[in-house]
Amino acid sequence: MNIARYQISLDAPIAAVWKFHESAREALPLLAPPGSDPHLELVDEPQRVGARVVIVAKGPMGKKMRWAARYETFEPPHICSDGKTRARFVDIQDSGPFKYWRHEHLMESVTETTATLTDTIEYIVPLGFLGNLANTLFVRRQLDQMFAHRHRVTREQVMKHVSA
């Protein structure tokens, strides 16, 4: 099992971070890697446990990929026992390019006007040894680039909402 973790600090309240992620229909096309030409085939809304999303996009070498996922966990902002406000949702791949994919999006308040977003991905690349080699050579680097892009877009979109 491979684990990738990416975190961003935002000068925005957790409610603004949540609002951007609340609609997969609006957020996913913006968060998709540049040049992937995403098409949302299915988006169950409102988002909730069991809701599904199916996206078709260009993958490596321009090949179209169909990725189906469902929400395993969906927790809007709530105050926890430590006094911090947290929100999170977890999507699990039902079918797609990975043998296994679990993506947790955790949003936490730092102050009333700042928050963090932590993306934790647990994944297995298919094809055993060859998949592990591909992960070492390029899959992990592609994930790093994808989440750098996602966090740039998240910052831009959240700041638009905050300054509006």
N, C-alpha and C. Protein backbone atom coordinates (compact mmCIF):
# COMPACT_ATOMS: atom_id res chain seq x y z
N MET A 1 0.86 -1.19 0.00
CA MET A 1 0.00 0.00 0.00
C MET A 1 0.90 1.24 0.00
N ASN A 2 0.59 2.16 -0.88
CA ASN A 2 1.29 3.44 -0.93
C ASN A 2 0.42 4.49 -0.25
N ILE A 3 1.07 5.42 0.43
CA ILE A 3 0.35 6.52 1.07
C ILE A 3 0.99 7.83 0.65
N ALA A 4 0.17 8.75 0.19
CA ALA A 4 0.62 10.10 -0.18
C ALA A 4 -0.19 11.09 0.64
N ARG A 5 0.49 12.08 1.19
CA ARG A 5 -0.21 13.08 2.01
C ARG A 5 0.23 14.47 1.54
N TYR A 6 -0.76 15.33 1.34
CA TYR A 6 -0.52 16.70 0.88
C TYR A 6 -1.31 17.64 1.77
N GLN A 7 -0.70 18.73 2.20
CA GLN A 7 -1.39 19.66 3.09
C GLN A 7 -1.18 21.09 2.61
N ILE A 8 -2.23 21.89 2.79
CA ILE A 8 -2.17 23.31 2.45
C ILE A 8 -2.81 24.09 3.60
N SER A 9 -2.22 25.24 3.91
CA SER A 9 -2.80 26.18 4.88
C SER A 9 -3.48 27.28 4.09
N LEU A 10 -4.66 27.66 4.53
CA LEU A 10 -5.44 28.66 3.81
C LEU A 10 -5.85 29.79 4.73
N ASP A 11 -5.75 31.01 4.25
CA ASP A 11 -6.22 32.19 4.99
C ASP A 11 -7.71 32.36 4.74
N ALA A 12 -8.46 31.37 5.21
CA ALA A 12 -9.90 31.37 5.00
C ALA A 12 -10.52 30.50 6.08
N PRO A 13 -11.73 30.82 6.48
CA PRO A 13 -12.41 29.97 7.46
C PRO A 13 -12.76 28.61 6.85
N ILE A 14 -12.90 27.63 7.70
CA ILE A 14 -13.19 26.28 7.22
C ILE A 14 -14.48 26.24 6.39
N ALA A 15 -15.44 27.09 6.70
CA ALA A 15 -16.69 27.10 5.94
C ALA A 15 -16.44 27.41 4.47
N ALA A 16 -15.48 28.28 4.18
CA ALA A 16 -15.17 28.63 2.79
C ALA A 16 -14.47 27.46 2.09
N VAL A 17 -13.62 26.76 2.80
CA VAL A 17 -12.93 25.61 2.23
C VAL A 17 -13.95 24.51 1.92
N TRP A 18 -14.86 24.28 2.86
CA TRP A 18 -15.91 23.29 2.67
C TRP A 18 -16.81 23.66 1.50
N LYS A 19 -17.19 24.92 1.43
CA LYS A 19 -18.11 25.36 0.37
C LYS A 19 -17.54 25.05 -1.01
N PHE A 20 -16.25 25.28 -1.20
CA PHE A 20 -15.64 24.98 -2.50
C PHE A 20 -15.74 23.49 -2.83
N HIS A 21 -15.53 22.63 -1.85
CA HIS A 21 -15.54 21.19 -2.09
C HIS A 21 -16.94 20.57 -2.05
N GLU A 22 -17.91 21.33 -1.61
CA GLU A 22 -19.25 20.78 -1.38
C GLU A 22 -19.95 20.30 -2.65
N SER A 23 -19.66 20.89 -3.78
CA SER A 23 -20.29 20.47 -5.03
C SER A 23 -19.23 19.86 -5.95
N ALA A 24 -19.28 18.54 -6.08
CA ALA A 24 -18.35 17.85 -6.97
C ALA A 24 -18.52 18.35 -8.41
N ARG A 25 -19.75 18.65 -8.78
CA ARG A 25 -20.03 19.11 -10.15
C ARG A 25 -19.25 20.38 -10.49
N GLU A 26 -19.09 21.26 -9.50
CA GLU A 26 -18.36 22.50 -9.75
C GLU A 26 -16.86 22.35 -9.50
N ALA A 27 -16.48 21.61 -8.44
CA ALA A 27 -15.08 21.54 -8.05
C ALA A 27 -14.24 20.62 -8.94
N LEU A 28 -14.76 19.45 -9.28
CA LEU A 28 -13.93 18.46 -9.99
C LEU A 28 -13.35 18.95 -11.32
N PRO A 29 -14.13 19.61 -12.18
CA PRO A 29 -13.50 20.09 -13.42
C PRO A 29 -12.36 21.08 -13.17
N LEU A 30 -12.48 21.88 -12.12
CA LEU A 30 -11.41 22.83 -11.80
C LEU A 30 -10.19 22.13 -11.23
N LEU A 31 -10.41 21.07 -10.47
CA LEU A 31 -9.32 20.37 -9.80
C LEU A 31 -8.61 19.36 -10.70
N ALA A 32 -9.22 19.01 -11.82
CA ALA A 32 -8.61 18.02 -12.72
C ALA A 32 -7.30 18.56 -13.28
N PRO A 33 -6.35 17.67 -13.51
CA PRO A 33 -5.06 18.11 -14.05
C PRO A 33 -5.22 18.87 -15.38
N PRO A 34 -4.40 19.87 -15.61
CA PRO A 34 -4.47 20.60 -16.88
C PRO A 34 -4.32 19.64 -18.06
N GLY A 35 -5.13 19.87 -19.09
CA GLY A 35 -5.05 19.05 -20.29
C GLY A 35 -5.78 17.73 -20.20
N SER A 36 -6.43 17.44 -19.07
CA SER A 36 -7.10 16.14 -18.92
C SER A 36 -8.50 16.12 -19.53
N ASP A 37 -9.02 17.28 -19.89
CA ASP A 37 -10.31 17.38 -20.56
C ASP A 37 -11.39 16.56 -19.86
N PRO A 38 -11.67 16.87 -18.58
CA PRO A 38 -12.61 16.04 -17.83
C PRO A 38 -14.07 16.19 -18.29
N HIS A 39 -14.77 15.08 -18.24
CA HIS A 39 -16.21 15.06 -18.52
C HIS A 39 -16.88 14.32 -17.36
N LEU A 40 -17.82 14.98 -16.71
CA LEU A 40 -18.55 14.36 -15.60
C LEU A 40 -19.70 13.55 -16.19
N GLU A 41 -19.59 12.26 -16.12
CA GLU A 41 -20.61 11.36 -16.64
C GLU A 41 -21.76 11.20 -15.65
N LEU A 42 -21.44 11.22 -14.35
CA LEU A 42 -22.45 11.07 -13.31
C LEU A 42 -21.97 11.79 -12.06
N VAL A 43 -22.86 12.57 -11.45
CA VAL A 43 -22.58 13.19 -10.16
C VAL A 43 -23.87 13.12 -9.35
N ASP A 44 -23.86 12.29 -8.32
CA ASP A 44 -25.00 12.25 -7.40
C ASP A 44 -24.91 13.46 -6.48
N GLU A 45 -25.93 14.30 -6.50
CA GLU A 45 -25.95 15.43 -5.58
C GLU A 45 -27.31 15.49 -4.92
N PRO A 46 -27.40 15.92 -3.68
CA PRO A 46 -26.27 16.45 -2.91
C PRO A 46 -25.32 15.32 -2.52
N GLN A 47 -24.08 15.73 -2.26
CA GLN A 47 -23.10 14.75 -1.81
C GLN A 47 -23.52 14.19 -0.47
N ARG A 48 -23.27 12.89 -0.29
CA ARG A 48 -23.63 12.20 0.95
C ARG A 48 -22.96 10.84 0.91
N VAL A 49 -22.99 10.12 2.01
CA VAL A 49 -22.45 8.77 2.03
C VAL A 49 -23.20 7.94 0.99
N GLY A 50 -22.44 7.23 0.17
CA GLY A 50 -23.03 6.41 -0.89
C GLY A 50 -23.18 7.10 -2.23
N ALA A 51 -23.09 8.44 -2.26
CA ALA A 51 -23.20 9.16 -3.53
C ALA A 51 -22.03 8.76 -4.43
N ARG A 52 -22.30 8.79 -5.73
CA ARG A 52 -21.29 8.37 -6.70
C ARG A 52 -20.91 9.50 -7.64
N VAL A 53 -19.69 9.40 -8.14
CA VAL A 53 -19.18 10.32 -9.15
C VAL A 53 -18.47 9.47 -10.20
N VAL A 54 -18.76 9.75 -11.46
CA VAL A 54 -18.05 9.08 -12.56
C VAL A 54 -17.50 10.18 -13.45
N ILE A 55 -16.19 10.12 -13.68
CA ILE A 55 -15.52 11.13 -14.50
C ILE A 55 -14.73 10.41 -15.59
N VAL A 56 -14.76 10.96 -16.79
CA VAL A 56 -13.95 10.46 -17.90
C VAL A 56 -12.97 11.57 -18.25
N ALA A 57 -11.70 11.22 -18.30
CA ALA A 57 -10.67 12.23 -18.56
C ALA A 57 -9.48 11.58 -19.26
N LYS A 58 -8.65 12.41 -19.88
CA LYS A 58 -7.43 11.91 -20.50
C LYS A 58 -6.43 11.58 -19.41
N GLY A 59 -5.86 10.40 -19.54
CA GLY A 59 -4.83 9.96 -18.60
C GLY A 59 -3.46 10.03 -19.27
N PRO A 60 -2.53 9.22 -18.78
CA PRO A 60 -1.20 9.19 -19.39
C PRO A 60 -1.28 8.86 -20.87
N MET A 61 -0.47 9.52 -21.65
CA MET A 61 -0.39 9.33 -23.10
C MET A 61 -1.70 9.65 -23.80
N GLY A 62 -2.55 10.47 -23.17
CA GLY A 62 -3.78 10.93 -23.79
C GLY A 62 -4.91 9.92 -23.85
N LYS A 63 -4.71 8.75 -23.25
CA LYS A 63 -5.74 7.71 -23.28
C LYS A 63 -6.88 8.08 -22.34
N LYS A 64 -8.13 7.95 -22.83
CA LYS A 64 -9.31 8.25 -22.00
C LYS A 64 -9.44 7.21 -20.90
N MET A 65 -9.71 7.69 -19.69
CA MET A 65 -9.92 6.81 -18.55
C MET A 65 -11.27 7.13 -17.93
N ARG A 66 -11.94 6.10 -17.46
CA ARG A 66 -13.21 6.27 -16.76
C ARG A 66 -12.95 5.92 -15.30
N TRP A 67 -13.30 6.84 -14.41
CA TRP A 67 -13.02 6.66 -13.00
C TRP A 67 -14.34 6.81 -12.25
N ALA A 68 -14.73 5.76 -11.54
CA ALA A 68 -15.97 5.78 -10.75
C ALA A 68 -15.60 5.69 -9.28
N ALA A 69 -16.19 6.57 -8.49
CA ALA A 69 -15.91 6.60 -7.06
C ALA A 69 -17.21 6.85 -6.30
N ARG A 70 -17.18 6.51 -5.02
CA ARG A 70 -18.33 6.78 -4.16
C ARG A 70 -17.83 7.33 -2.83
N TYR A 71 -18.72 8.07 -2.18
CA TYR A 71 -18.38 8.66 -0.89
C TYR A 71 -18.61 7.63 0.21
N GLU A 72 -17.53 7.33 0.91
CA GLU A 72 -17.59 6.40 2.04
C GLU A 72 -17.92 7.15 3.32
N THR A 73 -17.45 8.38 3.41
CA THR A 73 -17.65 9.24 4.58
C THR A 73 -17.98 10.63 4.08
N PHE A 74 -18.89 11.31 4.77
CA PHE A 74 -19.23 12.68 4.40
C PHE A 74 -19.65 13.41 5.67
N GLU A 75 -18.76 14.24 6.19
CA GLU A 75 -18.98 14.94 7.46
C GLU A 75 -18.81 16.45 7.28
N PRO A 76 -19.91 17.20 7.14
CA PRO A 76 -19.81 18.66 7.04
C PRO A 76 -19.14 19.24 8.29
N PRO A 77 -18.76 20.52 8.24
CA PRO A 77 -18.09 21.13 9.39
C PRO A 77 -18.86 20.92 10.69
N HIS A 78 -18.13 20.51 11.71
CA HIS A 78 -18.72 20.29 13.03
C HIS A 78 -17.63 20.54 14.09
N ILE A 79 -18.07 20.93 15.27
CA ILE A 79 -17.13 21.20 16.36
C ILE A 79 -16.82 19.88 17.06
N CYS A 80 -15.54 19.61 17.23
CA CYS A 80 -15.08 18.37 17.86
C CYS A 80 -14.82 18.60 19.35
N SER A 81 -14.55 17.53 20.05
CA SER A 81 -14.35 17.60 21.50
C SER A 81 -13.15 18.47 21.89
N ASP A 82 -12.19 18.64 20.99
CA ASP A 82 -11.04 19.50 21.30
C ASP A 82 -11.32 20.98 20.99
N GLY A 83 -12.55 21.29 20.57
CA GLY A 83 -12.94 22.66 20.29
C GLY A 83 -12.66 23.11 18.86
N LYS A 84 -11.94 22.31 18.09
CA LYS A 84 -11.66 22.67 16.69
C LYS A 84 -12.84 22.26 15.82
N THR A 85 -13.00 22.99 14.75
CA THR A 85 -14.01 22.63 13.76
C THR A 85 -13.33 21.80 12.68
N ARG A 86 -13.94 20.67 12.34
CA ARG A 86 -13.41 19.79 11.32
C ARG A 86 -14.52 19.41 10.34
N ALA A 87 -14.08 19.07 9.15
CA ALA A 87 -14.97 18.52 8.13
C ALA A 87 -14.13 17.52 7.35
N ARG A 88 -14.80 16.51 6.82
CA ARG A 88 -14.05 15.58 5.99
C ARG A 88 -14.99 14.77 5.13
N PHE A 89 -14.43 14.32 4.02
CA PHE A 89 -15.13 13.33 3.23
C PHE A 89 -14.08 12.41 2.63
N VAL A 90 -14.51 11.18 2.39
CA VAL A 90 -13.62 10.15 1.87
C VAL A 90 -14.27 9.55 0.64
N ASP A 91 -13.50 9.49 -0.45
CA ASP A 91 -14.00 8.81 -1.64
C ASP A 91 -13.15 7.57 -1.90
N ILE A 92 -13.83 6.53 -2.36
CA ILE A 92 -13.23 5.24 -2.65
C ILE A 92 -13.46 4.95 -4.13
N GLN A 93 -12.41 4.52 -4.81
CA GLN A 93 -12.57 4.14 -6.22
C GLN A 93 -13.34 2.83 -6.32
N ASP A 94 -14.42 2.83 -7.11
CA ASP A 94 -15.13 1.59 -7.42
C ASP A 94 -14.54 0.94 -8.67
N SER A 95 -14.15 1.77 -9.63
CA SER A 95 -13.47 1.27 -10.82
C SER A 95 -12.63 2.42 -11.37
N GLY A 96 -11.52 2.06 -11.98
CA GLY A 96 -10.63 3.09 -12.52
C GLY A 96 -9.22 2.58 -12.67
N PRO A 97 -8.28 3.50 -12.75
CA PRO A 97 -6.91 3.12 -13.10
C PRO A 97 -6.12 2.43 -11.98
N PHE A 98 -6.58 2.52 -10.74
CA PHE A 98 -5.83 1.95 -9.64
C PHE A 98 -6.44 0.62 -9.19
N LYS A 99 -5.61 -0.24 -8.63
CA LYS A 99 -6.13 -1.47 -8.03
C LYS A 99 -6.91 -1.12 -6.77
N TYR A 100 -6.45 -0.08 -6.06
CA TYR A 100 -7.13 0.41 -4.86
C TYR A 100 -6.84 1.90 -4.74
N TRP A 101 -7.86 2.67 -4.33
CA TRP A 101 -7.71 4.13 -4.14
C TRP A 101 -8.68 4.57 -3.06
N ARG A 102 -8.15 5.21 -2.04
CA ARG A 102 -8.97 5.81 -0.98
C ARG A 102 -8.40 7.20 -0.73
N HIS A 103 -9.25 8.22 -0.84
CA HIS A 103 -8.82 9.61 -0.72
C HIS A 103 -9.61 10.30 0.39
N GLU A 104 -8.90 10.67 1.45
CA GLU A 104 -9.53 11.41 2.55
C GLU A 104 -9.19 12.88 2.40
N HIS A 105 -10.22 13.72 2.46
CA HIS A 105 -10.08 15.17 2.42
C HIS A 105 -10.43 15.64 3.84
N LEU A 106 -9.45 16.13 4.59
CA LEU A 106 -9.68 16.56 5.96
C LEU A 106 -9.45 18.07 6.06
N MET A 107 -10.47 18.78 6.49
CA MET A 107 -10.39 20.22 6.69
C MET A 107 -10.47 20.50 8.18
N GLU A 108 -9.54 21.33 8.67
CA GLU A 108 -9.50 21.65 10.09
C GLU A 108 -9.33 23.14 10.28
N SER A 109 -10.07 23.70 11.24
CA SER A 109 -9.88 25.11 11.56
C SER A 109 -8.60 25.24 12.38
N VAL A 110 -7.85 26.29 12.09
CA VAL A 110 -6.68 26.64 12.89
C VAL A 110 -7.09 27.80 13.80
N THR A 111 -7.71 28.80 13.18
CA THR A 111 -8.33 29.92 13.90
C THR A 111 -9.70 30.12 13.24
N GLU A 112 -10.40 31.14 13.63
CA GLU A 112 -11.70 31.41 12.99
C GLU A 112 -11.54 31.82 11.53
N THR A 113 -10.35 32.30 11.16
CA THR A 113 -10.15 32.80 9.80
C THR A 113 -9.09 32.02 9.02
N THR A 114 -8.60 30.92 9.56
CA THR A 114 -7.62 30.10 8.83
C THR A 114 -7.96 28.62 9.00
N ALA A 115 -7.55 27.85 8.00
CA ALA A 115 -7.84 26.42 8.02
C ALA A 115 -6.74 25.67 7.27
N THR A 116 -6.70 24.38 7.50
CA THR A 116 -5.82 23.51 6.72
C THR A 116 -6.68 22.50 5.97
N LEU A 117 -6.15 22.07 4.85
CA LEU A 117 -6.74 20.99 4.07
C LEU A 117 -5.65 19.94 3.92
N THR A 118 -5.94 18.73 4.35
CA THR A 118 -4.99 17.62 4.21
C THR A 118 -5.63 16.54 3.35
N ASP A 119 -4.97 16.21 2.27
CA ASP A 119 -5.41 15.12 1.39
C ASP A 119 -4.51 13.93 1.67
N THR A 120 -5.11 12.82 2.06
CA THR A 120 -4.36 11.58 2.30
C THR A 120 -4.89 10.53 1.33
N ILE A 121 -4.00 10.01 0.53
CA ILE A 121 -4.37 9.02 -0.47
C ILE A 121 -3.67 7.71 -0.14
N GLU A 122 -4.45 6.66 -0.05
CA GLU A 122 -3.92 5.30 0.05
C GLU A 122 -4.21 4.66 -1.29
N TYR A 123 -3.20 4.08 -1.93
CA TYR A 123 -3.42 3.54 -3.26
C TYR A 123 -2.50 2.36 -3.54
N ILE A 124 -2.98 1.54 -4.47
CA ILE A 124 -2.18 0.44 -5.00
C ILE A 124 -2.26 0.53 -6.52
N VAL A 125 -1.11 0.56 -7.16
CA VAL A 125 -1.05 0.56 -8.62
C VAL A 125 -1.19 -0.90 -9.07
N PRO A 126 -1.99 -1.17 -10.11
CA PRO A 126 -2.15 -2.56 -10.56
C PRO A 126 -0.85 -3.11 -11.17
N LEU A 127 -0.85 -4.37 -11.47
CA LEU A 127 0.21 -5.08 -12.19
C LEU A 127 1.40 -5.47 -11.32
N GLY A 128 1.19 -5.58 -10.01
CA GLY A 128 2.23 -6.12 -9.13
C GLY A 128 3.56 -5.41 -9.23
N PHE A 129 4.62 -6.17 -9.52
CA PHE A 129 5.96 -5.61 -9.60
C PHE A 129 6.05 -4.48 -10.61
N LEU A 130 5.44 -4.68 -11.78
CA LEU A 130 5.47 -3.63 -12.81
C LEU A 130 4.76 -2.36 -12.34
N GLY A 131 3.64 -2.53 -11.63
CA GLY A 131 2.94 -1.38 -11.07
C GLY A 131 3.78 -0.66 -10.03
N ASN A 132 4.48 -1.42 -9.19
CA ASN A 132 5.36 -0.81 -8.19
C ASN A 132 6.49 -0.04 -8.86
N LEU A 133 7.03 -0.60 -9.93
CA LEU A 133 8.08 0.09 -10.69
C LEU A 133 7.52 1.37 -11.31
N ALA A 134 6.32 1.27 -11.91
CA ALA A 134 5.69 2.46 -12.50
C ALA A 134 5.43 3.52 -11.44
N ASN A 135 5.03 3.09 -10.24
CA ASN A 135 4.81 4.05 -9.15
C ASN A 135 6.11 4.78 -8.84
N THR A 136 7.20 4.04 -8.74
CA THR A 136 8.49 4.66 -8.44
C THR A 136 8.94 5.59 -9.55
N LEU A 137 8.74 5.18 -10.79
CA LEU A 137 9.24 5.96 -11.93
C LEU A 137 8.39 7.18 -12.27
N PHE A 138 7.04 7.05 -12.19
CA PHE A 138 6.25 8.21 -12.61
C PHE A 138 4.90 8.40 -11.92
N VAL A 139 4.24 7.38 -11.42
CA VAL A 139 2.90 7.56 -10.84
C VAL A 139 2.96 8.51 -9.65
N ARG A 140 3.88 8.27 -8.72
CA ARG A 140 3.96 9.14 -7.54
C ARG A 140 4.27 10.58 -7.93
N ARG A 141 5.14 10.77 -8.91
CA ARG A 141 5.46 12.13 -9.38
C ARG A 141 4.22 12.79 -9.98
N GLN A 142 3.41 12.02 -10.72
CA GLN A 142 2.17 12.56 -11.27
C GLN A 142 1.19 12.95 -10.17
N LEU A 143 1.11 12.15 -9.12
CA LEU A 143 0.26 12.50 -7.97
C LEU A 143 0.74 13.79 -7.32
N ASP A 144 2.06 13.89 -7.12
CA ASP A 144 2.62 15.11 -6.52
C ASP A 144 2.24 16.34 -7.35
N GLN A 145 2.37 16.23 -8.67
CA GLN A 145 2.03 17.35 -9.55
C GLN A 145 0.53 17.64 -9.52
N MET A 146 -0.27 16.58 -9.52
CA MET A 146 -1.73 16.75 -9.50
C MET A 146 -2.18 17.47 -8.23
N PHE A 147 -1.63 17.08 -7.08
CA PHE A 147 -2.07 17.71 -5.84
C PHE A 147 -1.48 19.10 -5.66
N ALA A 148 -0.33 19.37 -6.23
CA ALA A 148 0.18 20.75 -6.24
C ALA A 148 -0.80 21.62 -7.03
N HIS A 149 -1.26 21.12 -8.17
CA HIS A 149 -2.26 21.84 -8.98
C HIS A 149 -3.57 22.00 -8.20
N ARG A 150 -4.05 20.92 -7.61
CA ARG A 150 -5.32 20.97 -6.86
C ARG A 150 -5.25 21.99 -5.73
N HIS A 151 -4.14 22.05 -5.04
CA HIS A 151 -4.03 22.99 -3.92
C HIS A 151 -3.91 24.43 -4.41
N ARG A 152 -3.25 24.65 -5.55
CA ARG A 152 -3.22 26.01 -6.13
C ARG A 152 -4.63 26.46 -6.48
N VAL A 153 -5.38 25.58 -7.14
CA VAL A 153 -6.76 25.90 -7.54
C VAL A 153 -7.63 26.11 -6.30
N THR A 154 -7.47 25.26 -5.31
CA THR A 154 -8.26 25.40 -4.08
C THR A 154 -8.00 26.76 -3.46
N ARG A 155 -6.74 27.15 -3.35
CA ARG A 155 -6.41 28.46 -2.78
C ARG A 155 -7.08 29.58 -3.58
N GLU A 156 -6.96 29.53 -4.90
CA GLU A 156 -7.56 30.58 -5.76
C GLU A 156 -9.06 30.64 -5.58
N GLN A 157 -9.72 29.50 -5.62
CA GLN A 157 -11.18 29.47 -5.55
C GLN A 157 -11.69 29.87 -4.16
N VAL A 158 -11.02 29.41 -3.13
CA VAL A 158 -11.44 29.75 -1.77
C VAL A 158 -11.25 31.25 -1.53
N MET A 159 -10.14 31.79 -2.01
CA MET A 159 -9.89 33.22 -1.81
C MET A 159 -10.90 34.07 -2.57
N LYS A 160 -11.37 33.62 -3.73
CA LYS A 160 -12.43 34.32 -4.46
C LYS A 160 -13.69 34.40 -3.60
N HIS A 161 -14.00 33.30 -2.95
CA HIS A 161 -15.21 33.23 -2.10
C HIS A 161 -15.05 34.13 -0.87
N VAL A 162 -13.85 34.14 -0.28
CA VAL A 162 -13.61 34.92 0.93
C VAL A 162 -13.66 36.41 0.64
N SER A 163 -13.09 36.81 -0.50
CA SER A 163 -13.04 38.24 -0.80
C SER A 163 -14.30 38.76 -1.47
N ALA A 164 -15.24 37.88 -1.75
CA ALA A 164 -16.50 38.31 -2.40
C ALA A 164 -17.44 38.95 -1.40
